Amino acid sequence: MDIVRLICAVFFPPLGVFLQVGIGPQFWINILLTLLGYIPGIVHAVWIIARR
């Protein structure tokens, strides 16, 4: 399942975070980072998925 989350994190970072933690503070942080820049959103999503 982590492979699916990582693929989702590359193409749409908030989806990868949502699949990992649901709607919570990390999800909203990731949406903000993705809006500010696509790469920070990807890095944050991969970090969240790899951490848990």
Protein backbone atom coordinates (compact mmCIF):
# COMPACT_ATOMS: atom_id res chain seq x y z
CA MET A 1 0.00 0.00 0.00
CA ASP A 2 2.94 2.36 0.57
CA ILE A 3 3.82 2.15 -3.12
CA VAL A 4 0.33 3.37 -4.05
CA ARG A 5 0.62 6.22 -1.55
CA LEU A 6 4.01 7.24 -2.90
CA ILE A 7 2.72 7.23 -6.48
CA CYS A 8 -0.23 9.36 -5.38
CA ALA A 9 2.17 11.67 -3.53
CA VAL A 10 4.15 12.31 -6.70
CA PHE A 11 1.16 13.08 -8.90
CA PHE A 12 -1.13 14.72 -6.32
CA PRO A 13 0.60 15.22 -2.95
CA PRO A 14 -2.50 15.95 -0.80
CA LEU A 15 -4.04 12.63 -1.87
CA GLY A 16 -1.00 10.71 -0.64
CA VAL A 17 -1.14 12.49 2.71
CA PHE A 18 -4.90 11.96 2.96
CA LEU A 19 -4.49 8.22 2.37
CA GLN A 20 -1.86 8.11 5.13
CA VAL A 21 -3.28 10.33 7.89
CA GLY A 22 -6.77 11.40 6.82
CA ILE A 23 -8.00 14.97 7.16
CA GLY A 24 -5.93 16.56 9.87
CA PRO A 25 -3.28 19.22 10.33
CA GLN A 26 -0.73 17.42 8.11
CA PHE A 27 -3.27 17.29 5.26
CA TRP A 28 -3.90 21.04 5.43
CA ILE A 29 -0.18 21.80 5.69
CA ASN A 30 0.38 19.72 2.58
CA ILE A 31 -2.35 21.55 0.65
CA LEU A 32 -0.73 24.86 1.60
CA LEU A 33 2.73 23.65 0.56
CA THR A 34 1.38 22.30 -2.72
CA LEU A 35 -0.28 25.63 -3.48
CA LEU A 36 2.93 27.50 -2.68
CA GLY A 37 5.01 25.17 -4.83
CA TYR A 38 4.51 21.70 -6.21
CA ILE A 39 7.92 20.38 -5.12
CA PRO A 40 7.53 21.31 -1.40
CA GLY A 41 4.18 19.50 -1.43
CA ILE A 42 5.79 16.36 -2.87
CA VAL A 43 8.66 16.46 -0.36
CA HIS A 44 6.26 16.88 2.55
CA ALA A 45 3.98 14.08 1.32
CA VAL A 46 6.85 11.63 0.85
CA TRP A 47 8.21 12.57 4.28
CA ILE A 48 4.81 11.92 5.93
CA ILE A 49 4.41 8.57 4.16
CA ALA A 50 7.96 7.41 4.90
CA ARG A 51 7.79 8.52 8.54
CA ARG A 52 4.82 6.33 9.46
